[in-house]
Amino acid sequence: MIAEPLTCQPELVSMRDLDVNTVTALIHRAEEFKHGTQLELTEPVYAANLFFENSTRTHTSFEIAERRLGLSVVDFNPQASSVNKGETLYDTCLTLAAVGVRLLVIRHPQAAYYQALLNQPALPVALINAGDGSGEHPSQSLLDMMTISENFGGFNGLKVAIVGDLNHSRVARSDMEVLKKLGAQVYFSGPAAWYDDQFARFGQYLPLDDLVAQVDVMMMLRVQHERHSNDAEFDAAAYHQQYGLTLERAARMKPEAIIMHPGPINRGVELDGALVESPHSKFVEQMQNGVFMRMAMIESVLRGNQLGGLV
């Protein structure tokens, strides 16, 4: 993969905004950070992580990335904020900008919440989308691309299966968007009720048993119980046998194929618990790469907003 110069983005909110060169440059920069590259800020930058949905990996990964880059992280707890008094998201961001916060990383249950922010009078902040409802998850998608690139050296001709709770997955939407741009062949599988025609232009829907022996990447998606209204009827064991990566299915994978999952994993549902740390699995590698990819994303928006005195 030929490295492109890191592009400066005013904000990073959707994979639709990123072309192949930009994705390639972000992967390359993340790999440089992984191998010890340091960034020097010549002026202070204050960052706040506004997470209105629960998160372990993304929240802590962004905070560690910010601290590794030398940013000062301002604590923000939605439950202890004026959001509970009816303050709008825009006014919360306006307040943080007024006191000196210059980077906002936001996860919000409303799909495309960032459009309302970008359509308002311009805030003097750099913005990164850390997940919007069932919309997109750019940082997860980019760390996934980094992990695939490290394991295969590129994307052209790779066969990637995205399996599971498709309709509710922002990871599926972000990954299918960029994988197609990068030249991979995308497939979908999982319950038919969780698949619709919005995915058809990105890849073919096939039964999981038709895919396990031919794909290079098996991307298993979490069943998002919090977004389902009929979870009382959910049978975890039956789901695992019909749509999950069982030990028997995993044994049919190609020797060089990899298993990926955005987390958190429902062990024994999306995949057998014994596969989480198996040689095929890149789950831990994905989490490690997340810090370095988020460092690259933060640098890009800092440069795009001329913050930190970077040269």
C-alpha atoms as a PDB file:
ATOM      1  CA  MET A   1       0.000   0.000   0.000  1.00  0.00           C
ATOM      2  CA  ILE A   2       1.535   3.327  -1.078  1.00  0.00           C
ATOM      3  CA  ALA A   3       1.350   5.917   1.680  1.00  0.00           C
ATOM      4  CA  GLU A   4      -0.454   9.177   0.966  1.00  0.00           C
ATOM      5  CA  PRO A   5       0.237  12.429   2.862  1.00  0.00           C
ATOM      6  CA  LEU A   6      -2.072  12.832   5.848  1.00  0.00           C
ATOM      7  CA  THR A   7      -5.013  14.973   4.788  1.00  0.00           C
ATOM      8  CA  CYS A   8      -6.387  17.666   7.062  1.00  0.00           C
ATOM      9  CA  GLN A   9     -10.091  17.199   7.784  1.00  0.00           C
ATOM     10  CA  PRO A  10     -12.173  19.975   9.409  1.00  0.00           C
ATOM     11  CA  GLU A  11     -14.249  17.187  10.969  1.00  0.00           C
ATOM     12  CA  LEU A  12     -14.461  13.400  10.759  1.00  0.00           C
ATOM     13  CA  VAL A  13     -18.098  12.355  10.956  1.00  0.00           C
ATOM     14  CA  SER A  14     -18.870   9.954   8.081  1.00  0.00           C
ATOM     15  CA  MET A  15     -17.005   7.413   5.976  1.00  0.00           C
ATOM     16  CA  ARG A  16     -18.869   8.806   2.974  1.00  0.00           C
ATOM     17  CA  ASP A  17     -16.658  11.895   3.219  1.00  0.00           C
ATOM     18  CA  LEU A  18     -13.381   9.956   2.934  1.00  0.00           C
ATOM     19  CA  ASP A  19     -11.848   8.918  -0.369  1.00  0.00           C
ATOM     20  CA  VAL A  20      -9.392   6.053  -0.837  1.00  0.00           C
ATOM     21  CA  ASN A  21      -6.332   8.309  -0.565  1.00  0.00           C
ATOM     22  CA  THR A  22      -7.534   9.742   2.738  1.00  0.00           C
ATOM     23  CA  VAL A  23      -8.236   6.297   4.209  1.00  0.00           C
ATOM     24  CA  THR A  24      -4.835   5.065   3.023  1.00  0.00           C
ATOM     25  CA  ALA A  25      -3.115   8.081   4.574  1.00  0.00           C
ATOM     26  CA  LEU A  26      -4.878   7.590   7.909  1.00  0.00           C
ATOM     27  CA  ILE A  27      -3.861   3.906   7.985  1.00  0.00           C
ATOM     28  CA  HIS A  28      -0.248   4.828   7.235  1.00  0.00           C
ATOM     29  CA  ARG A  29      -0.184   7.552   9.916  1.00  0.00           C
ATOM     30  CA  ALA A  30      -1.753   5.191  12.472  1.00  0.00           C
ATOM     31  CA  GLU A  31       0.962   2.639  11.717  1.00  0.00           C
ATOM     32  CA  GLU A  32       3.599   5.342  12.279  1.00  0.00           C
ATOM     33  CA  PHE A  33       2.103   6.109  15.682  1.00  0.00           C
ATOM     34  CA  LYS A  34       2.056   2.372  16.419  1.00  0.00           C
ATOM     35  CA  HIS A  35       5.793   2.252  15.711  1.00  0.00           C
ATOM     36  CA  GLY A  36       6.623   5.129  18.035  1.00  0.00           C
ATOM     37  CA  THR A  37       6.095   8.384  16.133  1.00  0.00           C
ATOM     38  CA  GLN A  38       5.430  11.283  18.500  1.00  0.00           C
ATOM     39  CA  LEU A  39       3.470  14.490  17.927  1.00  0.00           C
ATOM     40  CA  GLU A  40       4.544  17.760  19.526  1.00  0.00           C
ATOM     41  CA  LEU A  41       1.966  20.401  20.371  1.00  0.00           C
ATOM     42  CA  THR A  42       3.312  23.914  20.738  1.00  0.00           C
ATOM     43  CA  GLU A  43       0.079  25.201  22.299  1.00  0.00           C
ATOM     44  CA  PRO A  44      -2.440  23.538  24.653  1.00  0.00           C
ATOM     45  CA  VAL A  45      -5.463  21.746  23.208  1.00  0.00           C
ATOM     46  CA  TYR A  46      -8.390  20.798  25.435  1.00  0.00           C
ATOM     47  CA  ALA A  47     -10.580  17.852  24.435  1.00  0.00           C
ATOM     48  CA  ALA A  48     -13.930  16.592  25.725  1.00  0.00           C
ATOM     49  CA  ASN A  49     -15.498  13.210  25.053  1.00  0.00           C
ATOM     50  CA  LEU A  50     -19.286  13.490  25.027  1.00  0.00           C
ATOM     51  CA  PHE A  51     -20.656   9.951  25.231  1.00  0.00           C
ATOM     52  CA  PHE A  52     -24.443   9.852  25.483  1.00  0.00           C
ATOM     53  CA  GLU A  53     -24.415   6.067  24.998  1.00  0.00           C
ATOM     54  CA  ASN A  54     -22.479   3.488  26.987  1.00  0.00           C
ATOM     55  CA  SER A  55     -18.998   2.627  25.737  1.00  0.00           C
ATOM     56  CA  THR A  56     -15.844   0.919  26.969  1.00  0.00           C
ATOM     57  CA  ARG A  57     -13.548   0.449  23.953  1.00  0.00           C
ATOM     58  CA  THR A  58     -14.289   3.626  22.004  1.00  0.00           C
ATOM     59  CA  HIS A  59     -14.415   5.977  25.000  1.00  0.00           C
ATOM     60  CA  THR A  60     -11.223   4.777  26.685  1.00  0.00           C
ATOM     61  CA  SER A  61      -9.438   4.415  23.341  1.00  0.00           C
ATOM     62  CA  PHE A  62     -10.131   8.041  22.411  1.00  0.00           C
ATOM     63  CA  GLU A  63      -9.041   9.252  25.843  1.00  0.00           C
ATOM     64  CA  ILE A  64      -5.784   7.310  25.687  1.00  0.00           C
ATOM     65  CA  ALA A  65      -5.190   8.559  22.125  1.00  0.00           C
ATOM     66  CA  GLU A  66      -5.761  12.150  23.257  1.00  0.00           C
ATOM     67  CA  ARG A  67      -3.392  11.792  26.213  1.00  0.00           C
ATOM     68  CA  ARG A  68      -0.701  10.128  24.095  1.00  0.00           C
ATOM     69  CA  LEU A  69      -0.843  13.112  21.739  1.00  0.00           C
ATOM     70  CA  GLY A  70      -0.439  15.531  24.648  1.00  0.00           C
ATOM     71  CA  LEU A  71      -4.005  16.878  24.761  1.00  0.00           C
ATOM     72  CA  SER A  72      -5.661  17.850  28.057  1.00  0.00           C
ATOM     73  CA  VAL A  73      -8.878  15.873  28.556  1.00  0.00           C
ATOM     74  CA  VAL A  74     -11.822  17.632  30.200  1.00  0.00           C
ATOM     75  CA  ASP A  75     -14.137  15.317  32.101  1.00  0.00           C
ATOM     76  CA  PHE A  76     -17.730  15.263  30.828  1.00  0.00           C
ATOM     77  CA  ASN A  77     -20.527  13.143  32.310  1.00  0.00           C
ATOM     78  CA  PRO A  78     -23.911  13.518  30.566  1.00  0.00           C
ATOM     79  CA  GLN A  79     -25.746  12.377  33.712  1.00  0.00           C
ATOM     80  CA  ALA A  80     -24.199  15.252  35.687  1.00  0.00           C
ATOM     81  CA  SER A  81     -24.545  17.895  32.972  1.00  0.00           C
ATOM     82  CA  SER A  82     -27.158  20.471  31.994  1.00  0.00           C
ATOM     83  CA  VAL A  83     -28.414  18.042  29.360  1.00  0.00           C
ATOM     84  CA  ASN A  84     -30.654  16.792  32.168  1.00  0.00           C
ATOM     85  CA  LYS A  85     -32.086  20.305  32.444  1.00  0.00           C
ATOM     86  CA  GLY A  86     -33.057  20.313  28.777  1.00  0.00           C
ATOM     87  CA  GLU A  87     -29.909  21.847  27.274  1.00  0.00           C
ATOM     88  CA  THR A  88     -29.561  21.009  23.585  1.00  0.00           C
ATOM     89  CA  LEU A  89     -26.528  19.231  22.184  1.00  0.00           C
ATOM     90  CA  TYR A  90     -25.579  22.366  20.255  1.00  0.00           C
ATOM     91  CA  ASP A  91     -25.731  24.526  23.393  1.00  0.00           C
ATOM     92  CA  THR A  92     -23.645  21.978  25.298  1.00  0.00           C
ATOM     93  CA  CYS A  93     -21.023  22.142  22.541  1.00  0.00           C
ATOM     94  CA  LEU A  94     -21.281  25.946  22.458  1.00  0.00           C
ATOM     95  CA  THR A  95     -20.624  26.065  26.215  1.00  0.00           C
ATOM     96  CA  LEU A  96     -17.593  23.778  26.000  1.00  0.00           C
ATOM     97  CA  ALA A  97     -16.199  25.768  23.081  1.00  0.00           C
ATOM     98  CA  ALA A  98     -16.678  29.015  25.017  1.00  0.00           C
ATOM     99  CA  VAL A  99     -14.567  27.778  27.944  1.00  0.00           C
ATOM    100  CA  GLY A 100     -11.771  26.637  25.651  1.00  0.00           C
ATOM    101  CA  VAL A 101     -12.453  23.062  24.539  1.00  0.00           C
ATOM    102  CA  ARG A 102     -11.223  22.663  20.965  1.00  0.00           C
ATOM    103  CA  LEU A 103     -11.813  18.967  20.220  1.00  0.00           C
ATOM    104  CA  LEU A 104     -15.186  17.287  20.711  1.00  0.00           C
ATOM    105  CA  VAL A 105     -15.571  13.531  20.324  1.00  0.00           C
ATOM    106  CA  ILE A 106     -19.274  12.703  20.418  1.00  0.00           C
ATOM    107  CA  ARG A 107     -21.314   9.506  20.592  1.00  0.00           C
ATOM    108  CA  HIS A 108     -25.047  10.075  20.450  1.00  0.00           C
ATOM    109  CA  PRO A 109     -28.134   7.848  20.059  1.00  0.00           C
ATOM    110  CA  GLN A 110     -29.557  10.057  17.287  1.00  0.00           C
ATOM    111  CA  ALA A 111     -28.488   9.030  13.783  1.00  0.00           C
ATOM    112  CA  ALA A 112     -26.589  11.829  11.990  1.00  0.00           C
ATOM    113  CA  TYR A 113     -26.782  14.062  15.081  1.00  0.00           C
ATOM    114  CA  TYR A 114     -23.757  15.937  13.707  1.00  0.00           C
ATOM    115  CA  GLN A 115     -25.752  17.431  10.833  1.00  0.00           C
ATOM    116  CA  ALA A 116     -27.578  19.733  13.248  1.00  0.00           C
ATOM    117  CA  LEU A 117     -24.238  20.876  14.690  1.00  0.00           C
ATOM    118  CA  LEU A 118     -22.679  21.503  11.286  1.00  0.00           C
ATOM    119  CA  ASN A 119     -25.775  23.394  10.084  1.00  0.00           C
ATOM    120  CA  GLN A 120     -25.699  25.787  13.056  1.00  0.00           C
ATOM    121  CA  PRO A 121     -23.360  28.798  13.307  1.00  0.00           C
ATOM    122  CA  ALA A 122     -19.843  27.420  13.120  1.00  0.00           C
ATOM    123  CA  LEU A 123     -18.388  26.267  16.419  1.00  0.00           C
ATOM    124  CA  PRO A 124     -14.628  26.867  16.923  1.00  0.00           C
ATOM    125  CA  VAL A 125     -14.020  23.161  17.532  1.00  0.00           C
ATOM    126  CA  ALA A 126     -12.776  20.068  15.735  1.00  0.00           C
ATOM    127  CA  LEU A 127     -15.460  17.346  15.689  1.00  0.00           C
ATOM    128  CA  ILE A 128     -15.131  13.557  15.539  1.00  0.00           C
ATOM    129  CA  ASN A 129     -18.139  11.258  15.390  1.00  0.00           C
ATOM    130  CA  ALA A 130     -17.685   8.340  17.807  1.00  0.00           C
ATOM    131  CA  GLY A 131     -20.951   6.707  16.716  1.00  0.00           C
ATOM    132  CA  ASP A 132     -24.418   8.009  15.851  1.00  0.00           C
ATOM    133  CA  GLY A 133     -27.366   5.744  16.675  1.00  0.00           C
ATOM    134  CA  SER A 134     -27.667   3.133  13.955  1.00  0.00           C
ATOM    135  CA  GLY A 135     -25.872   5.445  11.524  1.00  0.00           C
ATOM    136  CA  GLU A 136     -22.077   5.223  11.313  1.00  0.00           C
ATOM    137  CA  HIS A 137     -18.951   4.523  13.360  1.00  0.00           C
ATOM    138  CA  PRO A 138     -15.996   6.034  11.452  1.00  0.00           C
ATOM    139  CA  SER A 139     -13.251   5.306  13.988  1.00  0.00           C
ATOM    140  CA  GLN A 140     -14.260   1.641  14.295  1.00  0.00           C
ATOM    141  CA  SER A 141     -14.353   1.348  10.520  1.00  0.00           C
ATOM    142  CA  LEU A 142     -10.901   2.894  10.134  1.00  0.00           C
ATOM    143  CA  LEU A 143      -9.328   0.697  12.802  1.00  0.00           C
ATOM    144  CA  ASP A 144     -10.930  -2.284  11.048  1.00  0.00           C
ATOM    145  CA  MET A 145      -9.321  -1.198   7.771  1.00  0.00           C
ATOM    146  CA  MET A 146      -5.974  -0.809   9.513  1.00  0.00           C
ATOM    147  CA  THR A 147      -6.253  -4.327  10.951  1.00  0.00           C
ATOM    148  CA  ILE A 148      -7.206  -5.845   7.584  1.00  0.00           C
ATOM    149  CA  SER A 149      -4.383  -3.963   5.865  1.00  0.00           C
ATOM    150  CA  GLU A 150      -1.820  -5.211   8.379  1.00  0.00           C
ATOM    151  CA  ASN A 151      -2.963  -8.811   7.912  1.00  0.00           C
ATOM    152  CA  PHE A 152      -3.303  -8.852   4.116  1.00  0.00           C
ATOM    153  CA  GLY A 153      -1.265  -5.907   2.838  1.00  0.00           C
ATOM    154  CA  GLY A 154      -4.187  -4.488   0.853  1.00  0.00           C
ATOM    155  CA  PHE A 155      -7.833  -4.857  -0.081  1.00  0.00           C
ATOM    156  CA  ASN A 156      -8.170  -5.607  -3.802  1.00  0.00           C
ATOM    157  CA  GLY A 157      -9.915  -8.924  -4.299  1.00  0.00           C
ATOM    158  CA  LEU A 158     -10.338  -9.663  -0.591  1.00  0.00           C
ATOM    159  CA  LYS A 159     -13.602 -11.356   0.319  1.00  0.00           C
ATOM    160  CA  VAL A 160     -15.195  -9.918   3.451  1.00  0.00           C
ATOM    161  CA  ALA A 161     -18.355 -11.236   5.116  1.00  0.00           C
ATOM    162  CA  ILE A 162     -20.318  -8.927   7.441  1.00  0.00           C
ATOM    163  CA  VAL A 163     -22.610 -11.113   9.515  1.00  0.00           C
ATOM    164  CA  GLY A 164     -25.370 -10.537  12.019  1.00  0.00           C
ATOM    165  CA  ASP A 165     -27.473  -7.601  13.204  1.00  0.00           C
ATOM    166  CA  LEU A 166     -27.060  -5.594  10.002  1.00  0.00           C
ATOM    167  CA  ASN A 167     -29.965  -3.169  10.232  1.00  0.00           C
ATOM    168  CA  HIS A 168     -28.901  -1.871  13.624  1.00  0.00           C
ATOM    169  CA  SER A 169     -25.148  -1.826  12.964  1.00  0.00           C
ATOM    170  CA  ARG A 170     -23.336   1.442  12.364  1.00  0.00           C
ATOM    171  CA  VAL A 171     -20.173  -0.660  11.938  1.00  0.00           C
ATOM    172  CA  ALA A 172     -21.741  -2.535   9.014  1.00  0.00           C
ATOM    173  CA  ARG A 173     -22.709   0.718   7.296  1.00  0.00           C
ATOM    174  CA  SER A 174     -19.295   2.314   7.725  1.00  0.00           C
ATOM    175  CA  ASP A 175     -17.329  -0.819   6.803  1.00  0.00           C
ATOM    176  CA  MET A 176     -19.330  -1.706   3.699  1.00  0.00           C
ATOM    177  CA  GLU A 177     -18.939   1.870   2.433  1.00  0.00           C
ATOM    178  CA  VAL A 178     -15.159   1.925   2.665  1.00  0.00           C
ATOM    179  CA  LEU A 179     -14.514  -1.723   1.757  1.00  0.00           C
ATOM    180  CA  LYS A 180     -16.205  -1.252  -1.596  1.00  0.00           C
ATOM    181  CA  LYS A 181     -14.150   1.896  -2.262  1.00  0.00           C
ATOM    182  CA  LEU A 182     -10.965  -0.011  -1.414  1.00  0.00           C
ATOM    183  CA  GLY A 183     -11.707  -2.848  -3.836  1.00  0.00           C
ATOM    184  CA  ALA A 184     -12.844  -5.630  -1.520  1.00  0.00           C
ATOM    185  CA  GLN A 185     -15.714  -7.985  -2.348  1.00  0.00           C
ATOM    186  CA  VAL A 186     -18.371  -7.687   0.370  1.00  0.00           C
ATOM    187  CA  TYR A 187     -20.921 -10.306   1.427  1.00  0.00           C
ATOM    188  CA  PHE A 188     -23.681 -10.150   4.010  1.00  0.00           C
ATOM    189  CA  SER A 189     -25.281 -12.825   6.141  1.00  0.00           C
ATOM    190  CA  GLY A 190     -27.442 -13.221   9.234  1.00  0.00           C
ATOM    191  CA  PRO A 191     -31.197 -13.225   9.909  1.00  0.00           C
ATOM    192  CA  ALA A 192     -33.136 -12.185   6.818  1.00  0.00           C
ATOM    193  CA  ALA A 193     -35.319  -9.943   8.999  1.00  0.00           C
ATOM    194  CA  TRP A 194     -32.218  -7.878   9.847  1.00  0.00           C
ATOM    195  CA  TYR A 195     -31.237  -7.339   6.215  1.00  0.00           C
ATOM    196  CA  ASP A 196     -32.837  -5.020   3.674  1.00  0.00           C
ATOM    197  CA  ASP A 197     -32.152  -3.658   0.224  1.00  0.00           C
ATOM    198  CA  GLN A 198     -29.965  -0.766   1.449  1.00  0.00           C
ATOM    199  CA  PHE A 199     -27.084  -3.265   1.573  1.00  0.00           C
ATOM    200  CA  ALA A 200     -27.604  -4.735  -1.898  1.00  0.00           C
ATOM    201  CA  ARG A 201     -25.458  -2.191  -3.774  1.00  0.00           C
ATOM    202  CA  PHE A 202     -22.488  -3.023  -1.573  1.00  0.00           C
ATOM    203  CA  GLY A 203     -22.574  -6.814  -1.710  1.00  0.00           C
ATOM    204  CA  GLN A 204     -24.474 -10.083  -1.954  1.00  0.00           C
ATOM    205  CA  TYR A 205     -26.517 -11.714   0.805  1.00  0.00           C
ATOM    206  CA  LEU A 206     -25.746 -15.426   1.290  1.00  0.00           C
ATOM    207  CA  PRO A 207     -26.256 -18.074   3.994  1.00  0.00           C
ATOM    208  CA  LEU A 208     -23.360 -18.195   6.425  1.00  0.00           C
ATOM    209  CA  ASP A 209     -22.551 -21.811   5.579  1.00  0.00           C
ATOM    210  CA  ASP A 210     -21.977 -20.760   1.967  1.00  0.00           C
ATOM    211  CA  LEU A 211     -19.428 -18.144   3.052  1.00  0.00           C
ATOM    212  CA  VAL A 212     -17.205 -19.585   5.784  1.00  0.00           C
ATOM    213  CA  ALA A 213     -14.924 -21.560   3.475  1.00  0.00           C
ATOM    214  CA  GLN A 214     -14.370 -18.804   0.902  1.00  0.00           C
ATOM    215  CA  VAL A 215     -13.996 -15.470   2.728  1.00  0.00           C
ATOM    216  CA  ASP A 216     -10.781 -13.886   3.963  1.00  0.00           C
ATOM    217  CA  VAL A 217     -12.412 -11.806   6.693  1.00  0.00           C
ATOM    218  CA  MET A 218     -15.329 -12.900   8.852  1.00  0.00           C
ATOM    219  CA  MET A 219     -16.737  -9.765  10.497  1.00  0.00           C
ATOM    220  CA  MET A 220     -19.218 -10.814  13.176  1.00  0.00           C
ATOM    221  CA  LEU A 221     -21.615  -8.157  14.482  1.00  0.00           C
ATOM    222  CA  ARG A 222     -22.995  -7.889  18.005  1.00  0.00           C
ATOM    223  CA  VAL A 223     -26.691  -8.567  18.453  1.00  0.00           C
ATOM    224  CA  GLN A 224     -27.805  -5.145  19.709  1.00  0.00           C
ATOM    225  CA  HIS A 225     -30.410  -6.127  22.260  1.00  0.00           C
ATOM    226  CA  GLU A 226     -30.886  -2.492  23.313  1.00  0.00           C
ATOM    227  CA  ARG A 227     -32.196  -1.635  19.813  1.00  0.00           C
ATOM    228  CA  HIS A 228     -34.657  -4.537  19.624  1.00  0.00           C
ATOM    229  CA  SER A 229     -38.190  -4.363  20.984  1.00  0.00           C
ATOM    230  CA  ASN A 230     -38.789  -8.131  21.116  1.00  0.00           C
ATOM    231  CA  ASP A 231     -35.735  -9.370  23.002  1.00  0.00           C
ATOM    232  CA  ALA A 232     -37.941 -11.425  25.307  1.00  0.00           C
ATOM    233  CA  GLU A 233     -38.291 -13.804  22.371  1.00  0.00           C
ATOM    234  CA  PHE A 234     -34.557 -13.949  21.572  1.00  0.00           C
ATOM    235  CA  ASP A 235     -33.043 -17.443  21.793  1.00  0.00           C
ATOM    236  CA  ALA A 236     -29.268 -17.050  22.102  1.00  0.00           C
ATOM    237  CA  ALA A 237     -28.459 -20.730  21.577  1.00  0.00           C
ATOM    238  CA  ALA A 238     -30.659 -20.987  18.485  1.00  0.00           C
ATOM    239  CA  TYR A 239     -29.147 -17.800  17.041  1.00  0.00           C
ATOM    240  CA  HIS A 240     -25.644 -19.158  17.584  1.00  0.00           C
ATOM    241  CA  GLN A 241     -26.401 -22.411  15.812  1.00  0.00           C
ATOM    242  CA  GLN A 242     -28.075 -20.767  12.834  1.00  0.00           C
ATOM    243  CA  TYR A 243     -26.184 -17.477  12.403  1.00  0.00           C
ATOM    244  CA  GLY A 244     -23.148 -17.586  14.692  1.00  0.00           C
ATOM    245  CA  LEU A 245     -19.553 -18.634  14.097  1.00  0.00           C
ATOM    246  CA  THR A 246     -19.549 -22.023  15.777  1.00  0.00           C
ATOM    247  CA  LEU A 247     -16.433 -24.135  16.263  1.00  0.00           C
ATOM    248  CA  GLU A 248     -17.575 -26.338  13.379  1.00  0.00           C
ATOM    249  CA  ARG A 249     -17.941 -23.385  11.021  1.00  0.00           C
ATOM    250  CA  ALA A 250     -14.619 -21.895  12.118  1.00  0.00           C
ATOM    251  CA  ALA A 251     -12.892 -25.197  11.315  1.00  0.00           C
ATOM    252  CA  ARG A 252     -13.954 -24.737   7.677  1.00  0.00           C
ATOM    253  CA  MET A 253     -12.339 -21.296   7.335  1.00  0.00           C
ATOM    254  CA  LYS A 254      -9.253 -20.821   5.184  1.00  0.00           C
ATOM    255  CA  PRO A 255      -6.015 -21.098   7.204  1.00  0.00           C
ATOM    256  CA  GLU A 256      -5.149 -17.442   6.587  1.00  0.00           C
ATOM    257  CA  ALA A 257      -8.686 -16.110   7.171  1.00  0.00           C
ATOM    258  CA  ILE A 258      -9.311 -13.827  10.136  1.00  0.00           C
ATOM    259  CA  ILE A 259     -12.210 -13.258  12.537  1.00  0.00           C
ATOM    260  CA  MET A 260     -13.150  -9.706  13.520  1.00  0.00           C
ATOM    261  CA  HIS A 261     -15.734  -8.239  15.906  1.00  0.00           C
ATOM    262  CA  PRO A 262     -16.317  -4.593  16.923  1.00  0.00           C
ATOM    263  CA  GLY A 263     -17.178  -5.579  20.494  1.00  0.00           C
ATOM    264  CA  PRO A 264     -18.590  -6.019  22.984  1.00  0.00           C
ATOM    265  CA  ILE A 265     -18.871  -9.712  22.178  1.00  0.00           C
ATOM    266  CA  ASN A 266     -21.830 -11.805  23.233  1.00  0.00           C
ATOM    267  CA  ARG A 267     -19.878 -15.035  23.736  1.00  0.00           C
ATOM    268  CA  GLY A 268     -21.786 -18.060  22.561  1.00  0.00           C
ATOM    269  CA  VAL A 269     -24.055 -15.889  20.401  1.00  0.00           C
ATOM    270  CA  GLU A 270     -22.142 -14.207  17.553  1.00  0.00           C
ATOM    271  CA  LEU A 271     -19.201 -16.553  17.981  1.00  0.00           C
ATOM    272  CA  ASP A 272     -18.122 -19.369  20.238  1.00  0.00           C
ATOM    273  CA  GLY A 273     -16.279 -18.071  23.290  1.00  0.00           C
ATOM    274  CA  ALA A 274     -13.274 -20.264  22.488  1.00  0.00           C
ATOM    275  CA  LEU A 275     -12.763 -18.306  19.237  1.00  0.00           C
ATOM    276  CA  VAL A 276     -12.382 -14.885  20.858  1.00  0.00           C
ATOM    277  CA  GLU A 277      -8.644 -15.349  21.461  1.00  0.00           C
ATOM    278  CA  SER A 278      -8.009 -18.035  18.853  1.00  0.00           C
ATOM    279  CA  PRO A 279      -5.232 -17.696  16.224  1.00  0.00           C
ATOM    280  CA  HIS A 280      -7.850 -16.605  13.667  1.00  0.00           C
ATOM    281  CA  SER A 281      -9.225 -13.852  15.906  1.00  0.00           C
ATOM    282  CA  LYS A 282      -8.046 -10.243  15.579  1.00  0.00           C
ATOM    283  CA  PHE A 283     -10.332  -8.883  18.310  1.00  0.00           C
ATOM    284  CA  VAL A 284      -7.495  -7.836  20.633  1.00  0.00           C
ATOM    285  CA  GLU A 285      -5.485  -6.470  17.696  1.00  0.00           C
ATOM    286  CA  GLN A 286      -8.465  -4.354  16.662  1.00  0.00           C
ATOM    287  CA  MET A 287      -8.666  -2.804  20.115  1.00  0.00           C
ATOM    288  CA  GLN A 288      -4.926  -2.094  20.156  1.00  0.00           C
ATOM    289  CA  ASN A 289      -5.066  -0.554  16.686  1.00  0.00           C
ATOM    290  CA  GLY A 290      -7.974   1.617  17.790  1.00  0.00           C
ATOM    291  CA  VAL A 291      -5.708   3.820  19.901  1.00  0.00           C
ATOM    292  CA  PHE A 292      -3.297   4.489  17.026  1.00  0.00           C
ATOM    293  CA  MET A 293      -6.024   5.050  14.442  1.00  0.00           C
ATOM    294  CA  ARG A 294      -7.778   7.493  16.735  1.00  0.00           C
ATOM    295  CA  MET A 295      -4.465   9.308  17.193  1.00  0.00           C
ATOM    296  CA  ALA A 296      -4.276   9.678  13.413  1.00  0.00           C
ATOM    297  CA  MET A 297      -7.875  10.921  13.242  1.00  0.00           C
ATOM    298  CA  ILE A 298      -7.274  13.461  15.991  1.00  0.00           C
ATOM    299  CA  GLU A 299      -4.126  14.752  14.303  1.00  0.00           C
ATOM    300  CA  SER A 300      -6.032  15.129  11.034  1.00  0.00           C
ATOM    301  CA  VAL A 301      -8.803  17.291  12.549  1.00  0.00           C
ATOM    302  CA  LEU A 302      -6.335  19.288  14.642  1.00  0.00           C
ATOM    303  CA  ARG A 303      -4.433  20.148  11.455  1.00  0.00           C
ATOM    304  CA  GLY A 304      -7.702  20.785   9.636  1.00  0.00           C
ATOM    305  CA  ASN A 305      -8.615  23.369  12.293  1.00  0.00           C
ATOM    306  CA  GLN A 306      -5.072  24.728  12.734  1.00  0.00           C
ATOM    307  CA  LEU A 307      -4.930  23.640  16.371  1.00  0.00           C
ATOM    308  CA  GLY A 308      -1.975  22.633  18.515  1.00  0.00           C
ATOM    309  CA  GLY A 309       0.621  24.676  16.672  1.00  0.00           C
ATOM    310  CA  LEU A 310       1.451  21.681  14.488  1.00  0.00           C
ATOM    311  CA  VAL A 311       3.891  22.142  11.612  1.00  0.00           C
END
